Amino acid sequence: MVRVAVIEDDVPTSNQIKGWIESARSGIRVDQWYTRDDATSAVDRERYDLVVLDIELGRERHAGVAVINAINQRRKIPVLVVS
């Protein structure tokens, strides 16, 4: 099963991205995360095949960059930045 993490603080946008991914191919599991801390914890414990990420999460202007840095320190996961 392909696993994708969508990291986007805006719930409607996150849901829209999730819907697009799920409609692209059956059998894709999409997890949604809305904050830097939750996203960083998730990429630490889960095995994702792709991360779709917004650079700004809430009031944290560069939170997405911190998540990318955390990903790069732990494992190599492709990241698609949407902002």
C-alpha atoms as a PDB file:
ATOM      1  CA  MET A   1       0.000   0.000   0.000  1.00  0.00           C
ATOM      2  CA  VAL A   2       1.256   3.455  -0.885  1.00  0.00           C
ATOM      3  CA  ARG A   3       1.225   5.874   2.039  1.00  0.00           C
ATOM      4  CA  VAL A   4       1.115   9.650   1.668  1.00  0.00           C
ATOM      5  CA  ALA A   5       1.251  12.342   4.339  1.00  0.00           C
ATOM      6  CA  VAL A   6      -0.548  15.595   3.609  1.00  0.00           C
ATOM      7  CA  ILE A   7       0.761  18.364   5.859  1.00  0.00           C
ATOM      8  CA  GLU A   8      -1.461  21.407   5.453  1.00  0.00           C
ATOM      9  CA  ASP A   9      -2.958  23.589   8.184  1.00  0.00           C
ATOM     10  CA  ASP A  10      -5.970  24.698   6.157  1.00  0.00           C
ATOM     11  CA  VAL A  11      -8.528  21.906   6.577  1.00  0.00           C
ATOM     12  CA  PRO A  12     -10.494  22.467   3.319  1.00  0.00           C
ATOM     13  CA  THR A  13      -7.252  22.583   1.321  1.00  0.00           C
ATOM     14  CA  SER A  14      -5.937  19.490   3.093  1.00  0.00           C
ATOM     15  CA  ASN A  15      -9.174  17.626   2.340  1.00  0.00           C
ATOM     16  CA  GLN A  16      -9.043  18.694  -1.305  1.00  0.00           C
ATOM     17  CA  ILE A  17      -5.452  17.466  -1.706  1.00  0.00           C
ATOM     18  CA  LYS A  18      -6.375  14.201   0.011  1.00  0.00           C
ATOM     19  CA  GLY A  19      -9.303  13.743  -2.367  1.00  0.00           C
ATOM     20  CA  TRP A  20      -7.131  14.353  -5.435  1.00  0.00           C
ATOM     21  CA  ILE A  21      -4.564  11.820  -4.272  1.00  0.00           C
ATOM     22  CA  GLU A  22      -7.145   9.169  -3.430  1.00  0.00           C
ATOM     23  CA  SER A  23      -8.904   9.630  -6.765  1.00  0.00           C
ATOM     24  CA  ALA A  24      -5.631   9.223  -8.683  1.00  0.00           C
ATOM     25  CA  ARG A  25      -5.287   5.546  -7.785  1.00  0.00           C
ATOM     26  CA  SER A  26      -7.003   3.071  -5.506  1.00  0.00           C
ATOM     27  CA  GLY A  27      -5.136   1.677  -2.539  1.00  0.00           C
ATOM     28  CA  ILE A  28      -3.426   4.896  -1.459  1.00  0.00           C
ATOM     29  CA  ARG A  29      -3.617   5.652   2.243  1.00  0.00           C
ATOM     30  CA  VAL A  30      -3.507   9.367   3.042  1.00  0.00           C
ATOM     31  CA  ASP A  31      -2.792  10.694   6.532  1.00  0.00           C
ATOM     32  CA  GLN A  32      -3.418  14.354   7.280  1.00  0.00           C
ATOM     33  CA  TRP A  33      -1.394  16.490   9.666  1.00  0.00           C
ATOM     34  CA  TYR A  34      -1.995  20.136  10.473  1.00  0.00           C
ATOM     35  CA  THR A  35       0.911  21.282  12.671  1.00  0.00           C
ATOM     36  CA  ARG A  36       4.693  21.085  12.531  1.00  0.00           C
ATOM     37  CA  ASP A  37       4.902  19.068  15.739  1.00  0.00           C
ATOM     38  CA  ASP A  38       2.295  16.514  14.668  1.00  0.00           C
ATOM     39  CA  ALA A  39       3.845  16.206  11.211  1.00  0.00           C
ATOM     40  CA  THR A  40       7.372  15.768  12.553  1.00  0.00           C
ATOM     41  CA  SER A  41       6.191  13.100  14.986  1.00  0.00           C
ATOM     42  CA  ALA A  42       4.332  11.302  12.200  1.00  0.00           C
ATOM     43  CA  VAL A  43       7.304  11.170   9.821  1.00  0.00           C
ATOM     44  CA  ASP A  44       9.412   9.845  12.713  1.00  0.00           C
ATOM     45  CA  ARG A  45       7.129   6.894  13.407  1.00  0.00           C
ATOM     46  CA  GLU A  46       5.440   6.154  10.055  1.00  0.00           C
ATOM     47  CA  ARG A  47       6.806   5.009   6.702  1.00  0.00           C
ATOM     48  CA  TYR A  48       5.560   7.368   3.997  1.00  0.00           C
ATOM     49  CA  ASP A  49       6.204   7.051   0.283  1.00  0.00           C
ATOM     50  CA  LEU A  50       5.486  10.738  -0.326  1.00  0.00           C
ATOM     51  CA  VAL A  51       4.911  13.888   1.703  1.00  0.00           C
ATOM     52  CA  VAL A  52       2.802  16.763   0.355  1.00  0.00           C
ATOM     53  CA  LEU A  53       3.652  19.815   2.404  1.00  0.00           C
ATOM     54  CA  ASP A  54       2.721  23.458   2.853  1.00  0.00           C
ATOM     55  CA  ILE A  55       5.629  25.681   3.900  1.00  0.00           C
ATOM     56  CA  GLU A  56       3.524  27.875   6.203  1.00  0.00           C
ATOM     57  CA  LEU A  57       1.686  26.024   8.953  1.00  0.00           C
ATOM     58  CA  GLY A  58      -0.468  28.301  11.039  1.00  0.00           C
ATOM     59  CA  ARG A  59       1.557  31.247  12.287  1.00  0.00           C
ATOM     60  CA  GLU A  60       4.843  29.439  11.712  1.00  0.00           C
ATOM     61  CA  ARG A  61       6.083  30.959   8.494  1.00  0.00           C
ATOM     62  CA  HIS A  62       8.802  28.387   7.797  1.00  0.00           C
ATOM     63  CA  ALA A  63       7.428  25.371   9.659  1.00  0.00           C
ATOM     64  CA  GLY A  64       7.436  23.343   6.457  1.00  0.00           C
ATOM     65  CA  VAL A  65      11.172  23.870   6.096  1.00  0.00           C
ATOM     66  CA  ALA A  66      11.621  22.454   9.601  1.00  0.00           C
ATOM     67  CA  VAL A  67       9.563  19.413   8.610  1.00  0.00           C
ATOM     68  CA  ILE A  68      11.678  18.922   5.470  1.00  0.00           C
ATOM     69  CA  ASN A  69      14.838  19.120   7.582  1.00  0.00           C
ATOM     70  CA  ALA A  70      13.417  16.522   9.982  1.00  0.00           C
ATOM     71  CA  ILE A  71      12.552  14.235   7.074  1.00  0.00           C
ATOM     72  CA  ASN A  72      16.023  14.568   5.558  1.00  0.00           C
ATOM     73  CA  GLN A  73      17.693  13.705   8.868  1.00  0.00           C
ATOM     74  CA  ARG A  74      15.756  10.482   9.294  1.00  0.00           C
ATOM     75  CA  ARG A  75      15.012   8.985   5.880  1.00  0.00           C
ATOM     76  CA  LYS A  76      14.727   9.867   2.250  1.00  0.00           C
ATOM     77  CA  ILE A  77      11.114  10.619   1.377  1.00  0.00           C
ATOM     78  CA  PRO A  78      10.093  12.619  -1.695  1.00  0.00           C
ATOM     79  CA  VAL A  79       8.469  15.913  -0.694  1.00  0.00           C
ATOM     80  CA  LEU A  80       6.095  17.892  -2.881  1.00  0.00           C
ATOM     81  CA  VAL A  81       5.770  21.471  -1.614  1.00  0.00           C
ATOM     82  CA  VAL A  82       2.448  23.184  -2.244  1.00  0.00           C
ATOM     83  CA  SER A  83       2.171  26.739  -1.062  1.00  0.00           C
END
